[in-house]
Amino acid sequence: MECEVCGRELKGKGYKVLIEGSEVTVCKFCKNFGSEKPVEKITQRGVKKILFRKKRAKTIEFEEELLENYNLIIKREREKRGWSQEVLAKKIQEKESLIRKIENAEITPEPSVIDKLERLFNLKLREKVTEVKLDFGRKSLTPTLGDIVEIKRKKH
């Protein structure tokens, strides 16, 4: 199962959170983008009250982010050395199908695979991302996925 926000593979059950009114299953890194799933509580009169446990993220932090064209860089470096996908897979002790999916940008490679590729090719596939402070003017407003996309566009 994958995180419904960033696509990372979930270890365990993941976290159920509400983002823009939709319940999604996310990883531990993305759980701060929403509020935890509501807990229903029955009162004496049988009326349901919904209580939210809110965690408001005022800043969004990413340590390192994969380069946008990581797949093309990997393919270029492999072809520059005259290696097939099978040869590259053997060199980093992974499956050939994984290399094919990475080069076609069908999946985002795990950090361990990125480490192996960076060491083998002696290059960086990740970049440091600075902390982005969000000021929406209202304290109750939490960032949406669209806000994050706009922030990334402004940065470039």
N, C-alpha and C. Protein backbone atom coordinates (compact mmCIF):
# COMPACT_ATOMS: atom_id res chain seq x y z
N MET A 1 0.85 -1.17 0.00
CA MET A 1 0.00 0.00 0.00
C MET A 1 0.89 1.24 0.00
N GLU A 2 0.46 2.28 -0.71
CA GLU A 2 1.25 3.49 -0.83
C GLU A 2 0.55 4.67 -0.17
N CYS A 3 1.36 5.63 0.27
CA CYS A 3 0.83 6.88 0.82
C CYS A 3 0.06 7.58 -0.29
N GLU A 4 -1.13 8.05 0.01
CA GLU A 4 -1.97 8.68 -0.99
C GLU A 4 -1.59 10.13 -1.28
N VAL A 5 -0.57 10.65 -0.58
CA VAL A 5 -0.10 12.01 -0.83
C VAL A 5 1.22 11.98 -1.59
N CYS A 6 2.22 11.28 -1.05
CA CYS A 6 3.55 11.31 -1.66
C CYS A 6 3.91 10.05 -2.44
N GLY A 7 3.18 8.96 -2.23
CA GLY A 7 3.44 7.74 -2.97
C GLY A 7 4.44 6.79 -2.33
N ARG A 8 4.98 7.15 -1.16
CA ARG A 8 5.90 6.24 -0.48
C ARG A 8 5.16 4.97 -0.09
N GLU A 9 5.90 3.87 -0.01
CA GLU A 9 5.30 2.63 0.43
C GLU A 9 5.07 2.71 1.94
N LEU A 10 3.87 2.33 2.38
CA LEU A 10 3.52 2.41 3.79
C LEU A 10 4.05 1.20 4.52
N LYS A 11 4.65 1.43 5.65
CA LYS A 11 5.09 0.36 6.52
C LYS A 11 4.06 0.29 7.64
N GLY A 12 3.37 -0.83 7.75
CA GLY A 12 2.28 -0.93 8.72
C GLY A 12 0.99 -0.44 8.09
N LYS A 13 0.07 0.01 8.91
CA LYS A 13 -1.24 0.44 8.42
C LYS A 13 -1.25 1.86 7.88
N GLY A 14 -0.32 2.68 8.26
CA GLY A 14 -0.34 4.08 7.86
C GLY A 14 -1.22 4.88 8.80
N TYR A 15 -1.49 6.11 8.45
CA TYR A 15 -2.29 7.01 9.28
C TYR A 15 -3.50 7.47 8.47
N LYS A 16 -4.66 7.43 9.09
CA LYS A 16 -5.89 7.93 8.45
C LYS A 16 -6.05 9.38 8.87
N VAL A 17 -6.05 10.29 7.89
CA VAL A 17 -6.22 11.71 8.18
C VAL A 17 -7.24 12.31 7.22
N LEU A 18 -7.76 13.46 7.60
CA LEU A 18 -8.67 14.19 6.74
C LEU A 18 -7.91 15.35 6.09
N ILE A 19 -7.92 15.37 4.75
CA ILE A 19 -7.29 16.46 4.00
C ILE A 19 -8.37 17.01 3.07
N GLU A 20 -8.70 18.28 3.26
CA GLU A 20 -9.74 18.92 2.44
C GLU A 20 -11.04 18.13 2.47
N GLY A 21 -11.37 17.55 3.62
CA GLY A 21 -12.63 16.84 3.77
C GLY A 21 -12.60 15.40 3.28
N SER A 22 -11.49 14.93 2.73
CA SER A 22 -11.38 13.56 2.25
C SER A 22 -10.51 12.75 3.18
N GLU A 23 -10.96 11.53 3.47
CA GLU A 23 -10.17 10.65 4.32
C GLU A 23 -9.15 9.93 3.46
N VAL A 24 -7.87 10.06 3.81
CA VAL A 24 -6.80 9.42 3.06
C VAL A 24 -5.87 8.68 4.01
N THR A 25 -5.20 7.68 3.48
CA THR A 25 -4.20 6.93 4.24
C THR A 25 -2.83 7.45 3.83
N VAL A 26 -2.06 7.91 4.81
CA VAL A 26 -0.78 8.55 4.51
C VAL A 26 0.34 7.97 5.36
N CYS A 27 1.58 8.30 4.99
CA CYS A 27 2.75 7.88 5.75
C CYS A 27 3.00 8.84 6.92
N LYS A 28 3.97 8.51 7.74
CA LYS A 28 4.24 9.35 8.92
C LYS A 28 4.74 10.74 8.53
N PHE A 29 5.34 10.88 7.33
CA PHE A 29 5.84 12.17 6.89
C PHE A 29 4.71 13.10 6.44
N CYS A 30 3.62 12.52 5.93
CA CYS A 30 2.53 13.32 5.37
C CYS A 30 1.36 13.49 6.33
N LYS A 31 1.42 12.85 7.51
CA LYS A 31 0.26 12.92 8.41
C LYS A 31 0.00 14.33 8.92
N ASN A 32 0.99 15.22 8.90
CA ASN A 32 0.78 16.59 9.37
C ASN A 32 0.09 17.49 8.35
N PHE A 33 -0.13 16.99 7.13
CA PHE A 33 -0.81 17.78 6.11
C PHE A 33 -2.31 17.83 6.33
N GLY A 34 -2.82 17.05 7.26
CA GLY A 34 -4.26 17.04 7.54
C GLY A 34 -4.49 16.87 9.02
N SER A 35 -5.76 16.69 9.38
CA SER A 35 -6.06 16.42 10.78
C SER A 35 -6.43 14.95 10.90
N GLU A 36 -6.15 14.39 12.06
CA GLU A 36 -6.42 12.98 12.26
C GLU A 36 -7.90 12.67 12.04
N LYS A 37 -8.15 11.44 11.64
CA LYS A 37 -9.52 11.00 11.39
C LYS A 37 -10.36 11.27 12.63
N PRO A 38 -11.60 11.78 12.46
CA PRO A 38 -12.43 12.10 13.62
C PRO A 38 -12.78 10.87 14.44
N VAL A 39 -12.91 11.10 15.73
CA VAL A 39 -13.32 10.04 16.65
C VAL A 39 -14.78 10.30 17.01
N GLU A 40 -15.64 9.34 16.77
CA GLU A 40 -17.06 9.53 17.07
C GLU A 40 -17.32 9.17 18.52
N LYS A 41 -18.13 9.99 19.14
CA LYS A 41 -18.45 9.78 20.55
C LYS A 41 -19.96 9.88 20.71
N ILE A 42 -20.56 8.93 21.38
CA ILE A 42 -22.01 8.93 21.57
C ILE A 42 -22.33 9.56 22.92
N THR A 43 -23.23 10.54 22.87
CA THR A 43 -23.64 11.18 24.11
C THR A 43 -24.80 10.41 24.73
N GLN A 44 -25.26 10.85 25.87
CA GLN A 44 -26.35 10.16 26.56
C GLN A 44 -27.63 10.16 25.75
N ARG A 45 -27.88 11.19 24.99
CA ARG A 45 -29.12 11.28 24.22
C ARG A 45 -29.04 10.53 22.89
N GLY A 46 -27.90 9.92 22.61
CA GLY A 46 -27.76 9.18 21.35
C GLY A 46 -27.35 10.05 20.19
N VAL A 47 -26.97 11.29 20.45
CA VAL A 47 -26.54 12.18 19.39
C VAL A 47 -25.03 12.03 19.24
N LYS A 48 -24.60 11.90 18.01
CA LYS A 48 -23.16 11.73 17.77
C LYS A 48 -22.48 13.09 17.71
N LYS A 49 -21.36 13.17 18.38
CA LYS A 49 -20.51 14.36 18.29
C LYS A 49 -19.20 13.91 17.67
N ILE A 50 -18.71 14.71 16.79
CA ILE A 50 -17.45 14.38 16.16
C ILE A 50 -16.37 15.28 16.75
N LEU A 51 -15.35 14.65 17.29
CA LEU A 51 -14.24 15.38 17.88
C LEU A 51 -13.01 15.21 16.99
N PHE A 52 -12.31 16.27 16.75
CA PHE A 52 -11.11 16.22 15.95
C PHE A 52 -9.90 16.43 16.84
N ARG A 53 -8.89 15.63 16.61
CA ARG A 53 -7.61 15.89 17.24
C ARG A 53 -6.78 16.59 16.18
N LYS A 54 -6.58 17.87 16.32
CA LYS A 54 -5.91 18.64 15.28
C LYS A 54 -4.44 18.84 15.61
N LYS A 55 -3.67 18.68 14.58
CA LYS A 55 -2.26 19.02 14.65
C LYS A 55 -2.03 19.98 13.50
N ARG A 56 -1.79 21.20 13.81
CA ARG A 56 -1.61 22.20 12.76
C ARG A 56 -0.14 22.34 12.43
N ALA A 57 0.15 22.18 11.18
CA ALA A 57 1.52 22.34 10.71
C ALA A 57 1.67 23.75 10.15
N LYS A 58 2.46 24.55 10.82
CA LYS A 58 2.67 25.92 10.34
C LYS A 58 3.83 25.98 9.37
N THR A 59 4.72 24.99 9.44
CA THR A 59 5.81 24.93 8.48
C THR A 59 5.82 23.53 7.87
N ILE A 60 6.32 23.46 6.68
CA ILE A 60 6.47 22.19 5.99
C ILE A 60 7.96 21.97 5.83
N GLU A 61 8.43 20.81 6.28
CA GLU A 61 9.86 20.55 6.21
C GLU A 61 10.13 19.32 5.38
N PHE A 62 11.06 19.44 4.46
CA PHE A 62 11.58 18.32 3.71
C PHE A 62 13.10 18.42 3.83
N GLU A 63 13.75 17.34 4.14
CA GLU A 63 15.20 17.39 4.24
C GLU A 63 15.83 17.35 2.85
N GLU A 64 15.53 16.30 2.10
CA GLU A 64 16.06 16.18 0.75
C GLU A 64 14.93 15.71 -0.16
N GLU A 65 14.98 16.15 -1.38
CA GLU A 65 13.96 15.80 -2.35
C GLU A 65 14.64 15.27 -3.60
N LEU A 66 14.04 14.27 -4.20
CA LEU A 66 14.56 13.69 -5.43
C LEU A 66 14.48 14.72 -6.56
N LEU A 67 15.52 14.81 -7.37
CA LEU A 67 15.50 15.73 -8.49
C LEU A 67 14.35 15.39 -9.42
N GLU A 68 13.80 16.40 -10.07
CA GLU A 68 12.64 16.20 -10.94
C GLU A 68 12.93 15.24 -12.08
N ASN A 69 14.11 15.31 -12.67
CA ASN A 69 14.45 14.47 -13.82
C ASN A 69 15.39 13.32 -13.44
N TYR A 70 15.21 12.78 -12.23
CA TYR A 70 16.08 11.71 -11.73
C TYR A 70 16.12 10.53 -12.71
N ASN A 71 14.97 10.19 -13.31
CA ASN A 71 14.90 9.04 -14.20
C ASN A 71 15.78 9.23 -15.44
N LEU A 72 15.78 10.44 -15.99
CA LEU A 72 16.59 10.72 -17.18
C LEU A 72 18.08 10.71 -16.85
N ILE A 73 18.43 11.19 -15.67
CA ILE A 73 19.83 11.20 -15.24
C ILE A 73 20.33 9.77 -15.11
N ILE A 74 19.54 8.91 -14.48
CA ILE A 74 19.93 7.51 -14.30
C ILE A 74 20.10 6.83 -15.66
N LYS A 75 19.15 7.04 -16.54
CA LYS A 75 19.21 6.42 -17.87
C LYS A 75 20.44 6.92 -18.64
N ARG A 76 20.69 8.24 -18.59
CA ARG A 76 21.83 8.82 -19.29
C ARG A 76 23.15 8.24 -18.78
N GLU A 77 23.27 8.15 -17.45
CA GLU A 77 24.50 7.62 -16.85
C GLU A 77 24.70 6.15 -17.20
N ARG A 78 23.63 5.38 -17.22
CA ARG A 78 23.71 3.96 -17.57
C ARG A 78 24.15 3.80 -19.02
N GLU A 79 23.50 4.55 -19.92
CA GLU A 79 23.82 4.46 -21.34
C GLU A 79 25.23 4.98 -21.64
N LYS A 80 25.68 6.01 -20.91
CA LYS A 80 27.02 6.56 -21.09
C LYS A 80 28.09 5.48 -20.85
N ARG A 81 27.78 4.57 -19.91
CA ARG A 81 28.72 3.50 -19.58
C ARG A 81 28.51 2.25 -20.46
N GLY A 82 27.46 2.29 -21.31
CA GLY A 82 27.21 1.16 -22.21
C GLY A 82 26.57 -0.03 -21.50
N TRP A 83 25.92 0.20 -20.37
CA TRP A 83 25.31 -0.89 -19.61
C TRP A 83 23.85 -1.06 -20.01
N SER A 84 23.39 -2.30 -19.95
CA SER A 84 21.96 -2.56 -20.12
C SER A 84 21.30 -2.37 -18.75
N GLN A 85 19.98 -2.38 -18.75
CA GLN A 85 19.27 -2.28 -17.46
C GLN A 85 19.59 -3.48 -16.59
N GLU A 86 19.78 -4.63 -17.22
CA GLU A 86 20.11 -5.85 -16.48
C GLU A 86 21.47 -5.72 -15.79
N VAL A 87 22.45 -5.16 -16.48
CA VAL A 87 23.79 -4.98 -15.91
C VAL A 87 23.74 -4.02 -14.73
N LEU A 88 23.03 -2.91 -14.91
CA LEU A 88 22.90 -1.93 -13.82
C LEU A 88 22.22 -2.58 -12.61
N ALA A 89 21.18 -3.35 -12.86
CA ALA A 89 20.46 -4.01 -11.77
C ALA A 89 21.39 -4.93 -10.99
N LYS A 90 22.22 -5.67 -11.69
CA LYS A 90 23.16 -6.59 -11.01
C LYS A 90 24.19 -5.81 -10.20
N LYS A 91 24.63 -4.68 -10.73
CA LYS A 91 25.65 -3.89 -10.02
C LYS A 91 25.14 -3.33 -8.70
N ILE A 92 23.85 -3.00 -8.64
CA ILE A 92 23.30 -2.46 -7.38
C ILE A 92 22.46 -3.51 -6.63
N GLN A 93 22.49 -4.74 -7.12
CA GLN A 93 21.80 -5.86 -6.49
C GLN A 93 20.30 -5.61 -6.34
N GLU A 94 19.69 -5.21 -7.43
CA GLU A 94 18.25 -5.00 -7.49
C GLU A 94 17.72 -5.71 -8.73
N LYS A 95 16.40 -5.75 -8.89
CA LYS A 95 15.79 -6.40 -10.04
C LYS A 95 15.82 -5.48 -11.26
N GLU A 96 15.92 -6.11 -12.43
CA GLU A 96 15.92 -5.36 -13.69
C GLU A 96 14.61 -4.60 -13.86
N SER A 97 13.50 -5.20 -13.43
CA SER A 97 12.19 -4.53 -13.56
C SER A 97 12.15 -3.24 -12.74
N LEU A 98 12.85 -3.21 -11.61
CA LEU A 98 12.90 -1.99 -10.81
C LEU A 98 13.61 -0.88 -11.58
N ILE A 99 14.73 -1.22 -12.22
CA ILE A 99 15.47 -0.23 -13.01
C ILE A 99 14.60 0.30 -14.14
N ARG A 100 13.88 -0.60 -14.82
CA ARG A 100 13.00 -0.19 -15.92
C ARG A 100 11.93 0.78 -15.41
N LYS A 101 11.32 0.45 -14.27
CA LYS A 101 10.26 1.31 -13.71
C LYS A 101 10.82 2.65 -13.26
N ILE A 102 12.02 2.65 -12.70
CA ILE A 102 12.64 3.91 -12.28
C ILE A 102 12.93 4.79 -13.50
N GLU A 103 13.51 4.19 -14.54
CA GLU A 103 13.86 4.97 -15.74
C GLU A 103 12.62 5.48 -16.47
N ASN A 104 11.51 4.77 -16.36
CA ASN A 104 10.26 5.22 -16.99
C ASN A 104 9.45 6.10 -16.06
N ALA A 105 9.99 6.41 -14.89
CA ALA A 105 9.33 7.25 -13.87
C ALA A 105 7.98 6.68 -13.46
N GLU A 106 7.88 5.36 -13.45
CA GLU A 106 6.65 4.71 -13.01
C GLU A 106 6.59 4.62 -11.49
N ILE A 107 7.75 4.60 -10.86
CA ILE A 107 7.81 4.56 -9.39
C ILE A 107 8.87 5.53 -8.91
N THR A 108 8.77 5.86 -7.64
CA THR A 108 9.81 6.65 -6.98
C THR A 108 10.67 5.68 -6.20
N PRO A 109 11.96 5.64 -6.48
CA PRO A 109 12.82 4.66 -5.80
C PRO A 109 12.95 4.92 -4.30
N GLU A 110 13.13 3.84 -3.57
CA GLU A 110 13.36 3.92 -2.12
C GLU A 110 14.69 4.63 -1.87
N PRO A 111 14.83 5.26 -0.70
CA PRO A 111 16.10 5.93 -0.39
C PRO A 111 17.32 5.01 -0.48
N SER A 112 17.17 3.74 -0.13
CA SER A 112 18.31 2.81 -0.20
C SER A 112 18.76 2.60 -1.65
N VAL A 113 17.81 2.54 -2.58
CA VAL A 113 18.14 2.38 -4.00
C VAL A 113 18.80 3.66 -4.52
N ILE A 114 18.28 4.80 -4.10
CA ILE A 114 18.87 6.08 -4.51
C ILE A 114 20.32 6.16 -4.03
N ASP A 115 20.56 5.73 -2.78
CA ASP A 115 21.93 5.72 -2.24
C ASP A 115 22.85 4.88 -3.11
N LYS A 116 22.39 3.69 -3.48
CA LYS A 116 23.22 2.81 -4.31
C LYS A 116 23.54 3.45 -5.65
N LEU A 117 22.53 4.06 -6.28
CA LEU A 117 22.74 4.70 -7.58
C LEU A 117 23.68 5.90 -7.47
N GLU A 118 23.51 6.69 -6.41
CA GLU A 118 24.39 7.85 -6.21
C GLU A 118 25.84 7.42 -6.03
N ARG A 119 26.06 6.34 -5.26
CA ARG A 119 27.43 5.85 -5.05
C ARG A 119 28.02 5.29 -6.36
N LEU A 120 27.20 4.51 -7.08
CA LEU A 120 27.69 3.88 -8.31
C LEU A 120 28.05 4.92 -9.36
N PHE A 121 27.19 5.89 -9.57
CA PHE A 121 27.41 6.90 -10.61
C PHE A 121 28.20 8.11 -10.10
N ASN A 122 28.45 8.18 -8.80
CA ASN A 122 29.18 9.28 -8.18
C ASN A 122 28.53 10.63 -8.51
N LEU A 123 27.22 10.72 -8.24
CA LEU A 123 26.48 11.96 -8.45
C LEU A 123 25.35 12.05 -7.44
N LYS A 124 24.71 13.22 -7.41
CA LYS A 124 23.61 13.45 -6.47
C LYS A 124 22.28 13.42 -7.23
N LEU A 125 21.35 12.61 -6.74
CA LEU A 125 20.01 12.55 -7.32
C LEU A 125 19.00 13.27 -6.43
N ARG A 126 19.49 13.75 -5.28
CA ARG A 126 18.63 14.47 -4.34
C ARG A 126 19.21 15.85 -4.11
N GLU A 127 18.30 16.78 -3.78
CA GLU A 127 18.74 18.12 -3.46
C GLU A 127 18.16 18.52 -2.11
N LYS A 128 18.89 19.36 -1.42
CA LYS A 128 18.40 19.87 -0.14
C LYS A 128 17.28 20.85 -0.41
N VAL A 129 16.23 20.75 0.39
CA VAL A 129 15.10 21.66 0.25
C VAL A 129 15.03 22.47 1.52
N THR A 130 14.98 23.76 1.36
CA THR A 130 14.92 24.62 2.53
C THR A 130 13.51 24.61 3.13
N GLU A 131 13.44 24.98 4.38
CA GLU A 131 12.16 25.03 5.08
C GLU A 131 11.31 26.14 4.49
N VAL A 132 10.05 25.82 4.27
CA VAL A 132 9.11 26.79 3.71
C VAL A 132 8.14 27.20 4.79
N LYS A 133 8.12 28.48 5.11
CA LYS A 133 7.17 28.97 6.11
C LYS A 133 5.93 29.45 5.39
N LEU A 134 4.79 29.03 5.89
CA LEU A 134 3.52 29.40 5.26
C LEU A 134 2.81 30.43 6.12
N ASP A 135 2.35 31.50 5.49
CA ASP A 135 1.58 32.50 6.20
C ASP A 135 0.31 32.74 5.41
N PHE A 136 -0.78 32.19 5.87
CA PHE A 136 -2.04 32.32 5.17
C PHE A 136 -2.92 33.42 5.76
N GLY A 137 -2.44 34.09 6.76
CA GLY A 137 -3.21 35.17 7.35
C GLY A 137 -4.21 34.70 8.39
N ARG A 138 -4.76 33.53 8.20
CA ARG A 138 -5.70 32.97 9.17
C ARG A 138 -5.07 31.74 9.82
N LYS A 139 -5.20 31.63 11.11
CA LYS A 139 -4.57 30.53 11.83
C LYS A 139 -5.29 29.20 11.59
N SER A 140 -6.57 29.23 11.29
CA SER A 140 -7.32 27.98 11.16
C SER A 140 -7.13 27.31 9.81
N LEU A 141 -6.55 28.00 8.84
CA LEU A 141 -6.39 27.45 7.51
C LEU A 141 -5.13 26.59 7.44
N THR A 142 -5.27 25.37 6.96
CA THR A 142 -4.12 24.49 6.79
C THR A 142 -3.80 24.40 5.30
N PRO A 143 -2.53 24.16 4.95
CA PRO A 143 -2.14 24.12 3.53
C PRO A 143 -2.76 22.92 2.82
N THR A 144 -3.04 23.10 1.54
CA THR A 144 -3.56 22.03 0.69
C THR A 144 -2.45 21.56 -0.23
N LEU A 145 -2.68 20.48 -0.94
CA LEU A 145 -1.69 20.00 -1.90
C LEU A 145 -1.44 21.05 -2.98
N GLY A 146 -2.48 21.77 -3.36
CA GLY A 146 -2.34 22.83 -4.36
C GLY A 146 -1.43 23.94 -3.88
N ASP A 147 -1.50 24.28 -2.59
CA ASP A 147 -0.63 25.31 -2.03
C ASP A 147 0.83 24.89 -2.13
N ILE A 148 1.09 23.64 -1.87
CA ILE A 148 2.46 23.13 -1.90
C ILE A 148 3.00 23.17 -3.33
N VAL A 149 2.17 22.82 -4.30
CA VAL A 149 2.59 22.87 -5.70
C VAL A 149 2.93 24.30 -6.09
N GLU A 150 2.11 25.26 -5.68
CA GLU A 150 2.39 26.66 -6.00
C GLU A 150 3.69 27.13 -5.36
N ILE A 151 3.96 26.70 -4.13
CA ILE A 151 5.18 27.09 -3.45
C ILE A 151 6.38 26.55 -4.22
N LYS A 152 6.30 25.29 -4.67
CA LYS A 152 7.41 24.71 -5.42
C LYS A 152 7.62 25.44 -6.74
N ARG A 153 6.54 25.85 -7.41
CA ARG A 153 6.67 26.58 -8.68
C ARG A 153 7.34 27.92 -8.47
N LYS A 154 6.98 28.62 -7.38
CA LYS A 154 7.55 29.94 -7.11
C LYS A 154 9.04 29.82 -6.82
N LYS A 155 9.45 28.69 -6.21
CA LYS A 155 10.84 28.50 -5.82
C LYS A 155 11.75 28.37 -7.03
N HIS A 156 11.28 27.80 -8.12
CA HIS A 156 12.12 27.54 -9.29
C HIS A 156 12.30 28.73 -10.14
